[in-house]
Amino acid sequence: MSILERFSTIMKSNINALLDKCEDPAKMIDQYLIDLKESLAEVRRETAGVMAIEKQCLRQHEENEEGIAKFQGLAKKAADAGNDDDARTFIKKYKELESKREALVGNKDTAAANAAHMRQMHDKLVEDIQTLEGRKAQIKSTVAIAKTTEKLNKIGDPTGKASAIGGRFNDMEEKANRMLDEAQARTELNAPPENSADSLAKKYSGASDSEIEDELGRLKGLKGL
């Protein structure tokens, strides 16, 4: 497919819309730039040839029109001079040139349209490249931020996890204290009941004050011996 046959595709392309549809614009933008720059290089190569054809067709048309005007003038002069044979020769010549006029006008118009298309494609490709270059850094930064955010979303909220862990520790500490309280309560419940008579006996089992004084006197007597 020639570059002119691709004219419609190039002119209808919307770079911003293509980028919006990409799953990963950061990867696609470099490829788009490569494709566009290749197309631009091709357009520039072919534009010179198309413009040369345009100039050639324009020149042929102008030369034909000049020839028609020239021989029409000569035919009139010959007729005015009474030289009918010469006039007939000039008339025949410009009639031949007139028969070519339609084809030459068609060629001129077609060549001009082709050249205009080439210039439009050139300008469109330059504009698209500039658009991509302008958005390239922004898009890549945005994609990098999006990927980082997605990773953080998969990791989760560290502070939330820390709070949850702290809450579980508090629950375990409370449960451990409750277990200790219950164990101590069971120990108390399992202890044999104390006999009231034994308790009273302990109260009176200690040495009396008189006995203590007597023992003190005895010890002092032993010291004096």
Protein backbone atom coordinates (compact mmCIF):
# COMPACT_ATOMS: atom_id res chain seq x y z
CA MET A 1 0.00 0.00 0.00
CA SER A 2 1.45 3.35 -1.08
CA ILE A 3 1.62 6.30 1.25
CA LEU A 4 -1.20 8.01 -0.65
CA GLU A 5 -3.41 4.94 -0.25
CA ARG A 6 -2.79 5.18 3.51
CA PHE A 7 -3.89 8.83 3.52
CA SER A 8 -7.34 8.14 4.98
CA THR A 9 -5.99 5.91 7.76
CA ILE A 10 -3.35 8.42 8.79
CA MET A 11 -5.71 11.39 8.73
CA LYS A 12 -8.42 9.58 10.72
CA SER A 13 -6.06 8.31 13.41
CA ASN A 14 -6.52 9.81 16.84
CA ILE A 15 -3.41 9.43 18.97
CA ASN A 16 -5.09 10.41 22.23
CA ALA A 17 -7.92 7.93 21.66
CA LEU A 18 -5.45 5.14 20.84
CA LEU A 19 -3.51 5.82 24.03
CA ASP A 20 -6.67 5.81 26.11
CA LYS A 21 -7.53 2.32 24.80
CA CYS A 22 -4.10 0.86 25.56
CA GLU A 23 -3.82 -1.47 28.54
CA ASP A 24 -0.24 -0.29 29.04
CA PRO A 25 0.24 3.11 27.32
CA ALA A 26 3.82 3.36 28.63
CA LYS A 27 4.84 0.38 26.45
CA MET A 28 2.75 1.37 23.43
CA ILE A 29 3.82 5.02 23.25
CA ASP A 30 7.38 4.12 22.21
CA GLN A 31 6.08 1.81 19.47
CA TYR A 32 3.66 4.48 18.24
CA LEU A 33 6.52 6.95 18.04
CA ILE A 34 8.62 4.51 16.02
CA ASP A 35 5.72 3.85 13.61
CA LEU A 36 4.90 7.52 13.20
CA LYS A 37 8.51 8.53 12.58
CA GLU A 38 8.85 5.77 9.96
CA SER A 39 5.67 7.01 8.24
CA LEU A 40 6.93 10.60 8.39
CA ALA A 41 10.24 9.59 6.81
CA GLU A 42 8.33 7.79 4.03
CA VAL A 43 6.08 10.81 3.48
CA ARG A 44 9.07 13.12 3.23
CA ARG A 45 10.74 10.81 0.69
CA GLU A 46 7.66 10.59 -1.51
CA THR A 47 6.56 14.19 -1.12
CA ALA A 48 9.50 15.43 -3.16
CA GLY A 49 8.50 13.16 -6.06
CA VAL A 50 4.80 14.06 -5.82
CA MET A 51 5.62 17.79 -5.77
CA ALA A 52 7.92 17.34 -8.77
CA ILE A 53 5.05 15.71 -10.68
CA GLU A 54 2.77 18.56 -9.64
CA LYS A 55 5.21 21.10 -11.04
CA GLN A 56 5.64 19.11 -14.25
CA CYS A 57 1.88 18.86 -14.82
CA LEU A 58 1.44 22.55 -14.09
CA ARG A 59 4.22 23.43 -16.50
CA GLN A 60 2.76 21.23 -19.27
CA HIS A 61 -0.65 22.82 -18.79
CA GLU A 62 0.80 26.35 -18.87
CA GLU A 63 2.88 25.57 -21.97
CA ASN A 64 -0.20 24.17 -23.69
CA GLU A 65 -2.24 27.29 -22.84
CA GLU A 66 0.59 29.51 -24.07
CA GLY A 67 0.73 27.48 -27.31
CA ILE A 68 -3.01 27.84 -27.84
CA ALA A 69 -2.84 31.60 -27.29
CA LYS A 70 0.21 31.85 -29.54
CA PHE A 71 -1.27 30.00 -32.53
CA GLN A 72 -4.66 31.69 -32.13
CA GLY A 73 -2.86 35.02 -32.44
CA LEU A 74 -0.89 33.85 -35.48
CA ALA A 75 -4.03 32.49 -37.15
CA LYS A 76 -5.75 35.85 -36.70
CA LYS A 77 -2.77 37.73 -38.11
CA ALA A 78 -2.59 35.37 -41.12
CA ALA A 79 -6.31 35.74 -41.72
CA ASP A 80 -6.09 39.51 -41.42
CA ALA A 81 -3.25 39.47 -43.94
CA GLY A 82 -5.31 37.39 -46.33
CA ASN A 83 -3.01 34.38 -45.98
CA ASP A 84 -5.77 31.81 -45.54
CA ASP A 85 -3.53 28.76 -45.95
CA ASP A 86 -1.23 30.01 -43.21
CA ALA A 87 -4.24 30.80 -41.05
CA ARG A 88 -5.56 27.23 -41.59
CA THR A 89 -2.17 25.81 -40.50
CA PHE A 90 -2.19 27.87 -37.30
CA ILE A 91 -5.85 27.00 -36.60
CA LYS A 92 -5.08 23.29 -36.97
CA LYS A 93 -2.18 23.65 -34.55
CA TYR A 94 -4.06 25.37 -31.78
CA LYS A 95 -7.00 23.00 -32.21
CA GLU A 96 -4.60 20.11 -31.56
CA LEU A 97 -3.40 21.88 -28.42
CA GLU A 98 -6.97 22.52 -27.30
CA SER A 99 -7.73 18.80 -27.59
CA LYS A 100 -5.03 18.16 -24.99
CA ARG A 101 -6.30 20.85 -22.63
CA GLU A 102 -8.81 18.68 -20.72
CA ALA A 103 -6.32 15.91 -20.05
CA LEU A 104 -3.62 18.34 -18.98
CA VAL A 105 -6.03 20.17 -16.65
CA GLY A 106 -7.03 16.82 -15.12
CA ASN A 107 -3.39 15.85 -14.61
CA LYS A 108 -2.63 19.25 -13.09
CA ASP A 109 -5.56 19.04 -10.66
CA THR A 110 -4.80 15.45 -9.66
CA ALA A 111 -1.13 16.20 -9.08
CA ALA A 112 -2.05 19.26 -7.03
CA ALA A 113 -4.47 17.19 -4.92
CA ASN A 114 -1.82 14.51 -4.36
CA ALA A 115 0.71 17.11 -3.31
CA ALA A 116 -1.84 18.66 -0.94
CA HIS A 117 -2.50 15.23 0.59
CA MET A 118 1.19 14.69 1.11
CA ARG A 119 1.52 18.01 2.86
CA GLN A 120 -1.51 17.25 5.03
CA MET A 121 -0.08 13.87 5.98
CA HIS A 122 3.26 15.44 6.74
CA ASP A 123 1.68 18.07 9.00
CA LYS A 124 -0.57 15.48 10.70
CA LEU A 125 2.32 13.12 11.41
CA VAL A 126 4.46 15.96 12.76
CA GLU A 127 1.58 17.03 15.01
CA ASP A 128 0.99 13.46 16.26
CA ILE A 129 4.68 12.99 17.00
CA GLN A 130 4.76 16.24 18.93
CA THR A 131 1.66 15.17 20.87
CA LEU A 132 3.22 11.84 21.78
CA GLU A 133 6.53 13.40 22.74
CA GLY A 134 4.66 15.86 24.93
CA ARG A 135 2.62 13.16 26.67
CA LYS A 136 5.36 10.53 26.84
CA ALA A 137 6.92 11.59 30.16
CA GLN A 138 3.53 12.28 31.71
CA ILE A 139 2.08 8.92 30.67
CA LYS A 140 5.10 6.95 31.86
CA SER A 141 5.04 8.75 35.22
CA THR A 142 1.32 8.12 35.60
CA VAL A 143 1.71 4.43 34.75
CA ALA A 144 4.60 4.09 37.23
CA ILE A 145 2.48 5.67 39.96
CA ALA A 146 -0.44 3.40 39.09
CA LYS A 147 1.73 0.28 39.29
CA THR A 148 3.18 1.36 42.63
CA THR A 149 -0.29 2.06 43.98
CA GLU A 150 -1.46 -1.36 42.80
CA LYS A 151 1.45 -3.03 44.59
CA LEU A 152 0.61 -1.17 47.78
CA ASN A 153 -3.00 -2.24 47.43
CA LYS A 154 -1.89 -5.88 47.22
CA ILE A 155 0.40 -5.50 50.24
CA GLY A 156 -2.34 -3.83 52.26
CA ASP A 157 -2.18 -1.18 54.97
CA PRO A 158 0.85 -1.90 57.25
CA THR A 159 -0.51 0.36 60.00
CA GLY A 160 -3.81 -1.44 59.87
CA LYS A 161 -2.04 -4.78 60.18
CA ALA A 162 0.03 -3.49 63.10
CA SER A 163 -3.10 -2.27 64.86
CA ALA A 164 -4.77 -5.62 64.28
CA ILE A 165 -1.73 -7.47 65.68
CA GLY A 166 -1.65 -5.15 68.70
CA GLY A 167 -5.33 -5.83 69.31
CA ARG A 168 -4.74 -9.58 69.17
CA PHE A 169 -1.89 -9.26 71.70
CA ASN A 170 -4.21 -7.37 74.04
CA ASP A 171 -6.80 -10.10 73.68
CA MET A 172 -4.20 -12.79 74.43
CA GLU A 173 -2.91 -10.87 77.47
CA GLU A 174 -6.42 -10.52 78.83
CA LYS A 175 -7.07 -14.20 78.23
CA ALA A 176 -3.81 -15.14 80.02
CA ASN A 177 -4.74 -13.00 83.04
CA ARG A 178 -8.16 -14.60 83.13
CA MET A 179 -6.61 -18.07 83.02
CA LEU A 180 -4.29 -17.14 85.94
CA ASP A 181 -7.21 -15.83 87.99
CA GLU A 182 -9.18 -18.97 87.34
CA ALA A 183 -6.20 -21.19 88.28
CA GLN A 184 -5.69 -19.32 91.56
CA ALA A 185 -9.38 -19.59 92.31
CA ARG A 186 -9.27 -23.34 91.72
CA THR A 187 -6.25 -23.61 94.04
CA GLU A 188 -8.13 -21.88 96.80
CA LEU A 189 -11.15 -24.05 96.25
CA ASN A 190 -9.08 -27.23 96.29
CA ALA A 191 -7.36 -26.40 99.65
CA PRO A 192 -8.72 -28.52 102.66
CA PRO A 193 -10.97 -26.57 104.99
CA GLU A 194 -9.29 -25.42 108.23
CA ASN A 195 -10.67 -27.00 111.54
CA SER A 196 -12.00 -24.29 113.87
CA ALA A 197 -10.78 -26.12 116.97
CA ASP A 198 -7.26 -26.37 115.58
CA SER A 199 -7.30 -22.68 114.81
CA LEU A 200 -8.20 -21.87 118.40
CA ALA A 201 -5.54 -24.21 119.73
CA LYS A 202 -2.89 -22.33 117.80
CA LYS A 203 -4.06 -19.17 119.47
CA TYR A 204 -3.31 -20.54 122.90
CA SER A 205 -0.37 -22.78 122.10
CA GLY A 206 2.23 -20.07 122.45
CA ALA A 207 4.23 -19.57 125.69
CA SER A 208 2.54 -17.35 128.33
CA ASP A 209 4.12 -14.17 129.66
CA SER A 210 4.81 -15.76 133.09
CA GLU A 211 6.60 -18.66 131.50
CA ILE A 212 8.76 -16.27 129.50
CA GLU A 213 9.69 -14.27 132.60
CA ASP A 214 10.54 -17.44 134.55
CA GLU A 215 12.79 -18.58 131.71
CA LEU A 216 14.52 -15.22 131.63
CA GLY A 217 15.19 -15.40 135.38
CA ARG A 218 16.61 -18.86 135.03
CA LEU A 219 18.99 -17.70 132.33
CA LYS A 220 20.22 -14.83 134.47
CA GLY A 221 20.83 -17.20 137.41
CA LEU A 222 22.97 -19.35 135.21
CA LYS A 223 25.08 -16.34 134.29
CA GLY A 224 25.88 -15.53 137.92
CA LEU A 225 27.21 -19.01 138.72
